[in-house]
Amino acid sequence: EAQFVESGGGSVQAGGSLRLSCAASGFLTDDYCIGWVRQAPGKEREGVSCISRRDSNTYYAESVKGRFTISSDNAKNTVYLQMNSLKPEDTAVYYCAVQGSSFRSTWHLLLPWDFGAWGQGTQVTVSS
């Protein structure tokens, strides 16, 4: 069973940066896309980004393109999300999660309901 431990959340002012980390374990295959889903109070979950384990293809939501960068250190089984130029609308709980191989054709869409095996989440708060 896949498990995740997220870290790196916090509070910053608009324009600031944060880096989230997700230490993953328990995978039985390398055919998946691991990434981040966020949920703000009173809003729907939103797929933010994911990176494919096999070939490191990256996918981003339009709302974060050009500001966020996802990367992975496969030797450490850790995924990172570098968040720059943060905006108040980025405020949310960020969850590390994975899209399995059965959703490969739609990985790029970052559909939140296609993500499974969620971590405990880490709070990101951006003040104006």
Foldseek 3Di string as FASTA:
>chain_A
DKAKDKDWADEEAAQAKIKMKIAMDDDPDQAKWKDKWWDDPPDDIFQAKTARRPPRDIAGDPVQPPFWDWDDDVVRNMIMIIGGRDDQVVWTWMKIWMAGNVCVVCVNVRDVVRTDNIYPTDTHGYHD
